[in-house]
Amino acid sequence: MPDLTTSVSDVLDTAAPRCRSYEDITELRSRDPGAIGRALRERRRRRAFLPPDGRLMLLAADHPARGALAAQGRPSAMSSRTDMLDRLREALARPGVDGLLATADIAEDLVLLGALEDKVVVASMNRGGLAGASFELDDRMTGYDVAGVVEARFDAAKMLNRIDLDDPGTVAMLETTGRTISELARAGVPAMLEPFMSRRVDGRVANDLSPDAVIRSVHIAQGLGSTSAYTWLKLPVVPEMRRVMDATTLPTLLLGGDPSGRPEETYAGWRDALSLPSVRGLVIGRTLLYPPDDDVGGAVDTAVALVH
């Protein structure tokens, strides 16, 4: 830890409120929390949401805020924040990685470390449905709100939309999502929707990944809000992806989930789906940040090659 007499200016890079270590972040948070807002305002943004090839390679890092810490069969893989930040910084520095999807705690740490310069940042909004909880399907907004996304000067906002036809609470989520899409659109901010048809099986929430269920979730999600002009989809890779993607004209990013198969099989599924016209890239988290061999750079480079 730095000496407690260290001034905030000593902790920061002279050009911007940027920290050099994780200890510096804690020191700054305790002494000058307003520096986070200054760092967000001074962050160098990309000129365009999409790169010239029209495809995005994003890293997902919003799982811990739902209490989901497992990856690749390791129950507590994401329990260390500093280890996770190390992996994110390595991944974000790889050529072809366009940006990050995250909650405020992670995004702000990375902004202070200077890791999000010239990157797309997607704010994660509804994290209320904690993994394994009796209220897991209550996907209310506990992360970013619309004002927070705009104030942070982020590029898009993402919502999880688990639709359980046996759960009366689903309609409240749909109403909130529709209103949020409309508010984001008025601010000119893309809304990224991640819909699933979900149900409880032996007390646990399970997403139906059959092609017909994914198609149904797409139709429900893309009809939300007073405009779809700024709406994107974030969908799983499932069988019959050509038929699934025929359900929408909205630009779509593929999610990686936490696959149990061999990496080669996962990459092959991504490659095939990326060939479809409305698929515009990947949003991958645990698969790339916690690969079986812990070679983060190698896993990220493989995904980037598929996208770009």
Protein backbone atom coordinates (compact mmCIF):
# COMPACT_ATOMS: atom_id res chain seq x y z
CA MET A 1 0.00 0.00 0.00
CA PRO A 2 1.23 3.54 -0.65
CA ASP A 3 2.22 5.70 2.29
CA LEU A 4 -0.93 7.35 3.71
CA THR A 5 0.77 10.71 3.36
CA THR A 6 0.97 10.23 -0.41
CA SER A 7 -0.97 12.93 -2.20
CA VAL A 8 -3.55 12.10 -4.83
CA SER A 9 -1.46 13.84 -7.47
CA ASP A 10 1.40 11.46 -6.67
CA VAL A 11 -0.88 8.49 -7.27
CA LEU A 12 -2.05 9.69 -10.67
CA ASP A 13 -0.47 10.00 -14.05
CA THR A 14 0.15 13.70 -14.76
CA ALA A 15 -1.88 13.70 -17.99
CA ALA A 16 -5.10 12.28 -16.50
CA PRO A 17 -6.43 10.66 -13.31
CA ARG A 18 -4.78 7.33 -14.03
CA CYS A 19 -3.54 4.84 -11.45
CA ARG A 20 -0.40 2.78 -11.73
CA SER A 21 -1.37 -0.07 -9.36
CA TYR A 22 -4.37 -1.65 -7.65
CA GLU A 23 -3.22 -0.13 -4.38
CA ASP A 24 -3.39 3.26 -6.06
CA ILE A 25 -7.01 2.63 -7.03
CA THR A 26 -8.01 2.00 -3.40
CA GLU A 27 -6.08 5.06 -2.28
CA LEU A 28 -7.77 7.22 -4.89
CA ARG A 29 -11.23 5.85 -4.13
CA SER A 30 -10.77 6.65 -0.44
CA ARG A 31 -9.27 10.14 -0.87
CA ASP A 32 -10.76 11.54 -4.10
CA PRO A 33 -13.76 9.56 -5.45
CA GLY A 34 -14.59 12.48 -7.74
CA ALA A 35 -11.50 11.57 -9.74
CA ILE A 36 -13.44 8.65 -11.21
CA GLY A 37 -15.88 11.03 -12.86
CA ARG A 38 -13.00 13.13 -14.16
CA ALA A 39 -11.31 10.04 -15.60
CA LEU A 40 -14.53 9.04 -17.35
CA ARG A 41 -14.93 12.50 -18.85
CA GLU A 42 -11.31 12.58 -20.01
CA ARG A 43 -11.28 9.05 -21.41
CA ARG A 44 -10.41 9.08 -25.11
CA ARG A 45 -13.42 7.61 -26.92
CA ARG A 46 -13.44 5.88 -30.26
CA ARG A 47 -14.71 7.99 -33.11
CA ALA A 48 -17.18 5.30 -34.23
CA PHE A 49 -19.05 2.53 -32.44
CA LEU A 50 -18.23 0.10 -35.26
CA PRO A 51 -14.75 -0.29 -36.77
CA PRO A 52 -14.40 -0.07 -40.57
CA ASP A 53 -15.17 -3.78 -41.10
CA GLY A 54 -18.48 -3.38 -39.25
CA ARG A 55 -17.70 -6.08 -36.68
CA LEU A 56 -17.06 -5.95 -32.92
CA MET A 57 -14.97 -8.08 -30.58
CA LEU A 58 -16.02 -7.28 -27.00
CA LEU A 59 -15.04 -8.78 -23.64
CA ALA A 60 -17.79 -9.49 -21.10
CA ALA A 61 -17.07 -8.89 -17.42
CA ASP A 62 -20.43 -8.44 -15.71
CA HIS A 63 -20.89 -11.96 -14.32
CA PRO A 64 -19.54 -11.33 -10.78
CA ALA A 65 -22.21 -8.71 -10.07
CA ARG A 66 -24.82 -11.50 -10.24
CA GLY A 67 -22.74 -13.64 -7.88
CA ALA A 68 -21.67 -15.88 -10.78
CA LEU A 69 -17.98 -16.53 -10.10
CA ALA A 70 -17.47 -19.91 -11.81
CA ALA A 71 -15.64 -20.42 -15.10
CA GLN A 72 -14.51 -23.54 -16.96
CA GLY A 73 -15.45 -25.81 -14.08
CA ARG A 74 -13.65 -23.70 -11.46
CA PRO A 75 -16.28 -22.59 -8.91
CA SER A 76 -14.37 -19.54 -7.64
CA ALA A 77 -12.39 -18.62 -10.76
CA MET A 78 -13.47 -14.97 -10.66
CA SER A 79 -13.25 -14.47 -6.89
CA SER A 80 -9.99 -12.48 -7.11
CA ARG A 81 -10.67 -9.00 -8.50
CA THR A 82 -6.99 -8.27 -9.11
CA ASP A 83 -6.53 -11.52 -11.04
CA MET A 84 -9.61 -10.72 -13.12
CA LEU A 85 -8.33 -7.21 -13.83
CA ASP A 86 -4.96 -8.66 -14.84
CA ARG A 87 -6.71 -10.92 -17.34
CA LEU A 88 -8.91 -8.11 -18.64
CA ARG A 89 -5.97 -5.76 -19.11
CA GLU A 90 -4.05 -8.42 -21.02
CA ALA A 91 -7.07 -9.19 -23.20
CA LEU A 92 -7.95 -5.52 -23.86
CA ALA A 93 -4.39 -4.84 -24.98
CA ARG A 94 -4.53 -7.49 -27.73
CA PRO A 95 -4.89 -6.11 -31.28
CA GLY A 96 -8.44 -6.32 -32.59
CA VAL A 97 -10.22 -6.24 -29.22
CA ASP A 98 -12.76 -3.44 -29.56
CA GLY A 99 -13.94 -3.02 -26.00
CA LEU A 100 -15.69 -4.16 -22.86
CA LEU A 101 -19.09 -5.00 -21.38
CA ALA A 102 -19.03 -4.47 -17.61
CA THR A 103 -20.60 -3.13 -14.44
CA ALA A 104 -19.46 0.18 -12.96
CA ASP A 105 -16.98 -1.29 -10.47
CA ILE A 106 -14.96 -3.08 -13.14
CA ALA A 107 -15.29 -0.40 -15.82
CA GLU A 108 -14.15 2.33 -13.43
CA ASP A 109 -11.14 0.34 -12.23
CA LEU A 110 -10.08 -0.15 -15.85
CA VAL A 111 -10.67 3.51 -16.70
CA LEU A 112 -8.41 4.53 -13.80
CA LEU A 113 -5.76 2.11 -15.07
CA GLY A 114 -5.97 3.59 -18.58
CA ALA A 115 -7.11 0.31 -20.12
CA LEU A 116 -10.22 1.67 -21.86
CA GLU A 117 -8.71 4.39 -24.04
CA ASP A 118 -10.14 4.21 -27.59
CA LYS A 119 -12.35 1.28 -26.57
CA VAL A 120 -16.09 0.70 -26.91
CA VAL A 121 -17.67 0.39 -23.46
CA VAL A 122 -21.06 -1.25 -22.94
CA ALA A 123 -22.67 -0.64 -19.53
CA SER A 124 -24.38 -3.61 -17.82
CA MET A 125 -27.73 -2.51 -16.37
CA ASN A 126 -29.81 -5.25 -14.72
CA ARG A 127 -27.87 -7.45 -12.29
CA GLY A 128 -30.59 -8.05 -9.70
CA GLY A 129 -31.27 -11.69 -10.54
CA LEU A 130 -28.50 -13.23 -8.46
CA ALA A 131 -27.31 -16.65 -9.57
CA GLY A 132 -29.00 -19.43 -7.61
CA ALA A 133 -31.34 -17.11 -5.67
CA SER A 134 -35.06 -17.70 -5.19
CA PHE A 135 -35.47 -14.36 -6.98
CA GLU A 136 -33.00 -15.15 -9.78
CA LEU A 137 -35.52 -14.29 -12.48
CA ASP A 138 -36.07 -10.83 -11.00
CA ASP A 139 -33.80 -9.06 -13.48
CA ARG A 140 -34.42 -5.56 -12.16
CA MET A 141 -32.03 -2.69 -12.80
CA THR A 142 -29.39 -2.65 -10.06
CA GLY A 143 -26.42 -1.56 -12.19
CA TYR A 144 -26.30 1.38 -14.55
CA ASP A 145 -29.35 3.51 -15.23
CA VAL A 146 -29.78 5.59 -18.39
CA ALA A 147 -28.44 8.77 -16.78
CA GLY A 148 -25.36 6.91 -15.53
CA VAL A 149 -24.62 5.52 -18.99
CA VAL A 150 -24.87 8.97 -20.54
CA GLU A 151 -22.82 10.65 -17.80
CA ALA A 152 -20.08 8.03 -18.15
CA ARG A 153 -20.00 8.68 -21.91
CA PHE A 154 -20.31 4.98 -22.63
CA ASP A 155 -21.24 3.64 -26.04
CA ALA A 156 -24.12 1.24 -25.34
CA ALA A 157 -26.06 -0.43 -22.53
CA LYS A 158 -26.89 -4.11 -22.12
CA MET A 159 -29.89 -5.80 -20.50
CA LEU A 160 -30.49 -9.46 -19.66
CA ASN A 161 -34.06 -10.53 -20.51
CA ARG A 162 -35.02 -13.94 -19.10
CA ILE A 163 -38.62 -14.69 -20.04
CA ASP A 164 -40.44 -17.28 -17.90
CA LEU A 165 -44.04 -17.75 -18.99
CA ASP A 166 -44.85 -19.25 -15.57
CA ASP A 167 -43.45 -16.28 -13.64
CA PRO A 168 -45.78 -13.25 -13.38
CA GLY A 169 -42.74 -11.09 -12.61
CA THR A 170 -41.55 -11.43 -16.21
CA VAL A 171 -43.97 -8.76 -17.39
CA ALA A 172 -42.43 -6.20 -15.03
CA MET A 173 -39.01 -6.92 -16.54
CA LEU A 174 -40.44 -6.50 -20.05
CA GLU A 175 -42.07 -3.20 -19.11
CA THR A 176 -38.87 -1.86 -17.54
CA THR A 177 -36.80 -3.02 -20.51
CA GLY A 178 -39.14 -1.38 -23.00
CA ARG A 179 -39.05 1.92 -21.13
CA THR A 180 -35.26 1.78 -20.84
CA ILE A 181 -34.84 1.07 -24.57
CA SER A 182 -36.96 4.14 -25.34
CA GLU A 183 -34.95 6.35 -22.95
CA LEU A 184 -31.62 5.11 -24.33
CA ALA A 185 -32.79 5.73 -27.89
CA ARG A 186 -33.75 9.32 -27.03
CA ALA A 187 -30.19 9.77 -25.79
CA GLY A 188 -28.79 8.17 -28.96
CA VAL A 189 -27.36 5.19 -27.04
CA PRO A 190 -27.69 1.63 -28.43
CA ALA A 191 -29.52 -0.92 -26.24
CA MET A 192 -28.14 -4.46 -26.34
CA LEU A 193 -30.73 -7.09 -25.35
CA GLU A 194 -29.85 -10.63 -24.23
CA PRO A 195 -33.14 -12.59 -24.33
CA PHE A 196 -33.78 -16.17 -23.20
CA MET A 197 -36.86 -18.30 -22.74
CA SER A 198 -36.22 -19.52 -19.19
CA ARG A 199 -37.90 -21.79 -16.65
CA ARG A 200 -37.19 -23.43 -13.33
CA VAL A 201 -36.09 -27.07 -13.44
CA ASP A 202 -35.82 -28.73 -10.01
CA GLY A 203 -35.71 -25.27 -8.48
CA ARG A 204 -32.90 -23.95 -10.69
CA VAL A 205 -33.24 -21.48 -13.54
CA ALA A 206 -32.46 -22.99 -16.93
CA ASN A 207 -32.37 -21.23 -20.29
CA ASP A 208 -33.98 -23.07 -23.19
CA LEU A 209 -31.30 -23.13 -25.91
CA SER A 210 -33.36 -24.93 -28.53
CA PRO A 211 -33.58 -23.03 -31.84
CA ASP A 212 -37.34 -22.53 -31.54
CA ALA A 213 -37.02 -21.09 -28.02
CA VAL A 214 -34.27 -18.68 -29.07
CA ILE A 215 -36.35 -17.58 -32.06
CA ARG A 216 -39.32 -16.91 -29.79
CA SER A 217 -37.17 -14.88 -27.39
CA VAL A 218 -35.85 -12.82 -30.31
CA HIS A 219 -39.35 -11.89 -31.46
CA ILE A 220 -40.39 -10.87 -27.94
CA ALA A 221 -37.27 -8.80 -27.30
CA GLN A 222 -37.11 -6.96 -30.60
CA GLY A 223 -40.66 -5.68 -30.16
CA LEU A 224 -39.86 -3.85 -26.91
CA GLY A 225 -39.61 -0.07 -26.69
CA SER A 226 -41.04 2.82 -28.69
CA THR A 227 -38.33 2.40 -31.35
CA SER A 228 -35.95 -0.35 -32.40
CA ALA A 229 -33.62 2.09 -34.17
CA TYR A 230 -30.89 1.67 -31.55
CA THR A 231 -31.58 -1.95 -30.53
CA TRP A 232 -29.00 -4.72 -30.86
CA LEU A 233 -29.29 -8.36 -29.82
CA LYS A 234 -26.85 -10.57 -27.91
CA LEU A 235 -27.65 -14.22 -28.60
CA PRO A 236 -26.22 -17.64 -27.78
CA VAL A 237 -24.78 -19.92 -30.44
CA VAL A 238 -27.25 -22.79 -30.83
CA PRO A 239 -28.04 -25.37 -33.52
CA GLU A 240 -29.66 -24.05 -36.71
CA MET A 241 -28.22 -20.56 -36.33
CA ARG A 242 -29.17 -19.65 -39.90
CA ARG A 243 -32.83 -20.21 -39.05
CA VAL A 244 -32.41 -18.38 -35.73
CA MET A 245 -30.88 -15.33 -37.37
CA ASP A 246 -33.62 -15.28 -40.00
CA ALA A 247 -35.90 -14.15 -37.15
CA THR A 248 -34.39 -10.65 -37.03
CA THR A 249 -32.91 -7.80 -39.01
CA LEU A 250 -31.33 -6.31 -35.88
CA PRO A 251 -27.52 -6.34 -35.66
CA THR A 252 -26.50 -9.18 -33.37
CA LEU A 253 -23.47 -10.12 -31.29
CA LEU A 254 -22.88 -13.70 -30.18
CA LEU A 255 -22.30 -14.58 -26.54
CA GLY A 256 -19.89 -17.23 -25.42
CA GLY A 257 -21.41 -18.49 -22.15
CA ASP A 258 -19.34 -20.97 -20.15
CA PRO A 259 -18.89 -23.91 -22.54
CA SER A 260 -18.12 -27.38 -21.26
CA GLY A 261 -16.87 -28.78 -24.59
CA ARG A 262 -13.46 -28.55 -26.21
CA PRO A 263 -12.28 -25.07 -27.26
CA GLU A 264 -11.97 -26.24 -30.87
CA GLU A 265 -15.69 -27.08 -30.94
CA THR A 266 -16.59 -23.72 -29.41
CA TYR A 267 -14.51 -21.80 -31.96
CA ALA A 268 -16.00 -23.79 -34.84
CA GLY A 269 -19.51 -22.86 -33.69
CA TRP A 270 -18.55 -19.18 -33.50
CA ARG A 271 -16.94 -19.32 -36.96
CA ASP A 272 -20.04 -20.76 -38.61
CA ALA A 273 -22.40 -18.27 -36.93
CA LEU A 274 -20.18 -15.29 -37.75
CA SER A 275 -20.67 -16.01 -41.45
CA LEU A 276 -24.34 -14.98 -41.20
CA PRO A 277 -25.14 -11.44 -42.43
CA SER A 278 -26.78 -9.98 -39.31
CA VAL A 279 -24.12 -11.35 -36.93
CA ARG A 280 -21.70 -8.50 -36.25
CA GLY A 281 -19.27 -10.01 -33.78
CA LEU A 282 -18.71 -11.60 -30.39
CA VAL A 283 -19.20 -10.66 -26.72
CA ILE A 284 -17.16 -13.24 -24.84
CA GLY A 285 -16.19 -13.37 -21.19
CA ARG A 286 -15.25 -16.46 -19.25
CA THR A 287 -14.27 -18.53 -22.30
CA LEU A 288 -11.48 -16.09 -23.17
CA LEU A 289 -10.55 -14.75 -19.74
CA TYR A 290 -10.30 -18.19 -18.11
CA PRO A 291 -9.31 -20.66 -20.86
CA PRO A 292 -8.38 -24.21 -19.80
CA ASP A 293 -4.68 -23.55 -20.39
CA ASP A 294 -4.83 -20.01 -18.89
CA ASP A 295 -3.34 -18.60 -22.12
CA VAL A 296 -5.55 -15.49 -22.21
CA GLY A 297 -3.65 -13.86 -25.05
CA GLY A 298 -3.84 -16.96 -27.23
CA ALA A 299 -7.57 -17.44 -26.64
CA VAL A 300 -8.30 -13.78 -27.38
CA ASP A 301 -6.20 -13.80 -30.54
CA THR A 302 -8.13 -16.82 -31.82
CA ALA A 303 -11.46 -15.08 -31.25
CA VAL A 304 -10.23 -11.84 -32.84
CA ALA A 305 -9.16 -13.76 -35.95
CA LEU A 306 -12.67 -15.14 -36.28
CA VAL A 307 -14.29 -11.69 -35.93
CA HIS A 308 -11.93 -9.42 -37.87
